[in-house]
C-alpha atoms as a PDB file:
ATOM      1  CA  MET A   1       0.000   0.000   0.000  1.00  0.00           C
ATOM      2  CA  GLY A   2       2.809   2.421   0.832  1.00  0.00           C
ATOM      3  CA  CYS A   3       4.554   1.823  -2.489  1.00  0.00           C
ATOM      4  CA  LEU A   4       1.285   2.306  -4.357  1.00  0.00           C
ATOM      5  CA  LEU A   5       0.542   5.553  -2.534  1.00  0.00           C
ATOM      6  CA  PHE A   6       4.048   6.868  -3.223  1.00  0.00           C
ATOM      7  CA  ALA A   7       3.878   5.877  -6.904  1.00  0.00           C
ATOM      8  CA  TRP A   8       0.398   7.401  -7.284  1.00  0.00           C
ATOM      9  CA  TRP A   9       1.540  10.717  -5.781  1.00  0.00           C
ATOM     10  CA  PHE A  10       5.022  11.043  -7.297  1.00  0.00           C
ATOM     11  CA  GLY A  11       4.748   8.833 -10.389  1.00  0.00           C
ATOM     12  CA  TYR A  12       7.548   6.401  -9.490  1.00  0.00           C
ATOM     13  CA  SER A  13       8.293   3.540  -7.108  1.00  0.00           C
ATOM     14  CA  PRO A  14      10.011   4.667  -3.890  1.00  0.00           C
ATOM     15  CA  PHE A  15      12.600   1.920  -4.381  1.00  0.00           C
ATOM     16  CA  GLU A  16      13.397   2.745  -8.006  1.00  0.00           C
ATOM     17  CA  SER A  17      13.754   6.508  -7.781  1.00  0.00           C
ATOM     18  CA  GLU A  18      15.612   9.320  -6.088  1.00  0.00           C
ATOM     19  CA  PHE A  19      15.249  13.061  -6.032  1.00  0.00           C
ATOM     20  CA  ILE A  20      17.913  15.490  -7.106  1.00  0.00           C
ATOM     21  CA  GLY A  21      16.482  18.703  -5.715  1.00  0.00           C
ATOM     22  CA  SER A  22      12.865  18.561  -6.877  1.00  0.00           C
ATOM     23  CA  THR A  23      13.599  16.460  -9.970  1.00  0.00           C
ATOM     24  CA  ILE A  24      12.909  12.750  -9.733  1.00  0.00           C
ATOM     25  CA  ARG A  25      15.283  10.283 -11.371  1.00  0.00           C
ATOM     26  CA  VAL A  26      14.687   6.584 -11.974  1.00  0.00           C
ATOM     27  CA  THR A  27      17.417   4.401 -10.493  1.00  0.00           C
ATOM     28  CA  GLU A  28      18.170   0.710 -10.504  1.00  0.00           C
ATOM     29  CA  CYS A  29      16.299  -1.227  -7.865  1.00  0.00           C
ATOM     30  CA  SER A  30      18.254  -3.579  -5.647  1.00  0.00           C
ATOM     31  CA  ALA A  31      17.479  -5.651  -2.597  1.00  0.00           C
ATOM     32  CA  LEU A  32      19.408  -3.157  -0.457  1.00  0.00           C
ATOM     33  CA  ARG A  33      17.368  -0.231  -1.767  1.00  0.00           C
ATOM     34  CA  VAL A  34      14.393  -1.276   0.361  1.00  0.00           C
ATOM     35  CA  LEU A  35      16.564  -0.875   3.468  1.00  0.00           C
ATOM     36  CA  ALA A  36      17.272   2.765   2.632  1.00  0.00           C
ATOM     37  CA  SER A  37      14.992   5.628   3.527  1.00  0.00           C
ATOM     38  CA  ILE A  38      12.296   6.814   1.149  1.00  0.00           C
ATOM     39  CA  PRO A  39      13.603   9.399  -1.335  1.00  0.00           C
ATOM     40  CA  LYS A  40      12.349  12.939  -0.663  1.00  0.00           C
ATOM     41  CA  LYS A  41      12.334  15.917  -2.956  1.00  0.00           C
ATOM     42  CA  ALA A  42      13.883  19.176  -1.798  1.00  0.00           C
ATOM     43  CA  ASN A  43      10.946  21.575  -2.144  1.00  0.00           C
ATOM     44  CA  ARG A  44       8.064  19.668  -0.565  1.00  0.00           C
ATOM     45  CA  SER A  45       4.503  20.925  -0.366  1.00  0.00           C
ATOM     46  CA  ALA A  46       2.321  20.361   2.692  1.00  0.00           C
ATOM     47  CA  GLU A  47       0.564  17.611   0.736  1.00  0.00           C
ATOM     48  CA  ASP A  48       3.922  15.962  -0.085  1.00  0.00           C
ATOM     49  CA  GLU A  49       4.752  15.922   3.638  1.00  0.00           C
ATOM     50  CA  ILE A  50       1.428  14.237   4.428  1.00  0.00           C
ATOM     51  CA  ILE A  51       2.095  11.563   1.790  1.00  0.00           C
ATOM     52  CA  TYR A  52       5.658  10.980   3.064  1.00  0.00           C
ATOM     53  CA  GLU A  53       4.416  10.620   6.625  1.00  0.00           C
ATOM     54  CA  ILE A  54       1.773   8.054   5.666  1.00  0.00           C
ATOM     55  CA  VAL A  55       4.093   6.118   3.326  1.00  0.00           C
ATOM     56  CA  GLU A  56       6.807   5.902   6.002  1.00  0.00           C
ATOM     57  CA  TRP A  57       4.202   4.687   8.505  1.00  0.00           C
ATOM     58  CA  ILE A  58       2.954   2.005   6.086  1.00  0.00           C
ATOM     59  CA  LEU A  59       6.466   0.905   5.041  1.00  0.00           C
ATOM     60  CA  GLU A  60       7.684   0.377   8.604  1.00  0.00           C
ATOM     61  CA  LYS A  61      10.741  -1.864   8.406  1.00  0.00           C
ATOM     62  CA  GLU A  62       9.729  -3.897  11.473  1.00  0.00           C
ATOM     63  CA  MET A  63       6.920  -6.161  10.324  1.00  0.00           C
ATOM     64  CA  ILE A  64       5.316  -6.352  13.757  1.00  0.00           C
ATOM     65  CA  ARG A  65       4.857  -2.539  13.765  1.00  0.00           C
ATOM     66  CA  ARG A  66       3.302  -2.248  10.288  1.00  0.00           C
ATOM     67  CA  PRO A  67      -0.341  -1.168  10.163  1.00  0.00           C
ATOM     68  CA  PHE A  68      -3.150  -3.416   9.015  1.00  0.00           C
ATOM     69  CA  LEU A  69      -5.158  -2.438   5.940  1.00  0.00           C
ATOM     70  CA  ILE A  70      -8.079  -1.210   8.052  1.00  0.00           C
ATOM     71  CA  ASP A  71      -5.667   1.070   9.952  1.00  0.00           C
ATOM     72  CA  VAL A  72      -4.427   2.510   6.654  1.00  0.00           C
ATOM     73  CA  ILE A  73      -7.989   3.103   5.454  1.00  0.00           C
ATOM     74  CA  HIS A  74      -8.926   4.907   8.674  1.00  0.00           C
ATOM     75  CA  ARG A  75      -5.806   7.050   8.634  1.00  0.00           C
ATOM     76  CA  LEU A  76      -6.352   8.010   4.990  1.00  0.00           C
ATOM     77  CA  GLU A  77      -9.990   8.878   5.679  1.00  0.00           C
ATOM     78  CA  ASP A  78      -9.019  10.979   8.696  1.00  0.00           C
ATOM     79  CA  THR A  79      -6.228  12.703   6.754  1.00  0.00           C
ATOM     80  CA  ILE A  80      -8.486  13.482   3.789  1.00  0.00           C
ATOM     81  CA  SER A  81     -11.231  14.742   6.076  1.00  0.00           C
ATOM     82  CA  ALA A  82      -8.827  16.985   8.029  1.00  0.00           C
ATOM     83  CA  HIS A  83      -7.267  18.311   4.823  1.00  0.00           C
ATOM     84  CA  GLN A  84     -10.675  19.062   3.306  1.00  0.00           C
ATOM     85  CA  THR A  85     -11.731  20.865   6.491  1.00  0.00           C
ATOM     86  CA  GLN A  86      -8.579  23.020   6.376  1.00  0.00           C
ATOM     87  CA  LYS A  87      -9.232  23.831   2.718  1.00  0.00           C
ATOM     88  CA  GLY A  88     -12.873  24.697   3.423  1.00  0.00           C
ATOM     89  CA  GLY A  89     -14.359  21.925   1.272  1.00  0.00           C
ATOM     90  CA  ASN A  90     -15.918  18.584   1.955  1.00  0.00           C
ATOM     91  CA  SER A  91     -14.552  15.161   1.216  1.00  0.00           C
ATOM     92  CA  THR A  92     -16.236  13.074  -1.467  1.00  0.00           C
ATOM     93  CA  VAL A  93     -13.329  10.604  -1.319  1.00  0.00           C
ATOM     94  CA  LYS A  94     -14.258   9.526   2.199  1.00  0.00           C
ATOM     95  CA  GLU A  95     -17.906   9.085   1.215  1.00  0.00           C
ATOM     96  CA  ALA A  96     -16.960   7.008  -1.835  1.00  0.00           C
ATOM     97  CA  SER A  97     -14.541   4.823   0.100  1.00  0.00           C
ATOM     98  CA  THR A  98     -17.186   3.787   2.633  1.00  0.00           C
ATOM     99  CA  ASP A  99     -19.952   3.102   0.095  1.00  0.00           C
ATOM    100  CA  LYS A 100     -20.468  -0.646  -0.350  1.00  0.00           C
ATOM    101  CA  ASN A 101     -22.262  -0.315  -3.719  1.00  0.00           C
ATOM    102  CA  VAL A 102     -19.407  -0.739  -6.221  1.00  0.00           C
ATOM    103  CA  ASP A 103     -21.775  -0.227  -9.179  1.00  0.00           C
ATOM    104  CA  ASN A 104     -21.853   3.508  -8.388  1.00  0.00           C
ATOM    105  CA  TYR A 105     -18.195   3.826  -9.384  1.00  0.00           C
ATOM    106  CA  VAL A 106     -18.051   1.660 -12.511  1.00  0.00           C
END
């Protein structure tokens, strides 16, 4: 989930990329790369910081400390809701994610 979130936000895998300033560069992936920290761009927005924080939480190196999927869902919903409140809007993402009728989104 953390790799997917990172790739969705930045456009690349966290283990196959690095930032040089604010420019992302694709690098060779190796087994040791996953032991390194997540690459961060120099000029980060507030939204970038939120994504980094969540991705680092999900990609905890100690397996016993990693969150379960339901924990990730709740944290994302809370983060989206808080961000929407700060921006003065409302969150349709949270409403869509809790709707059990998949046909509404096909």
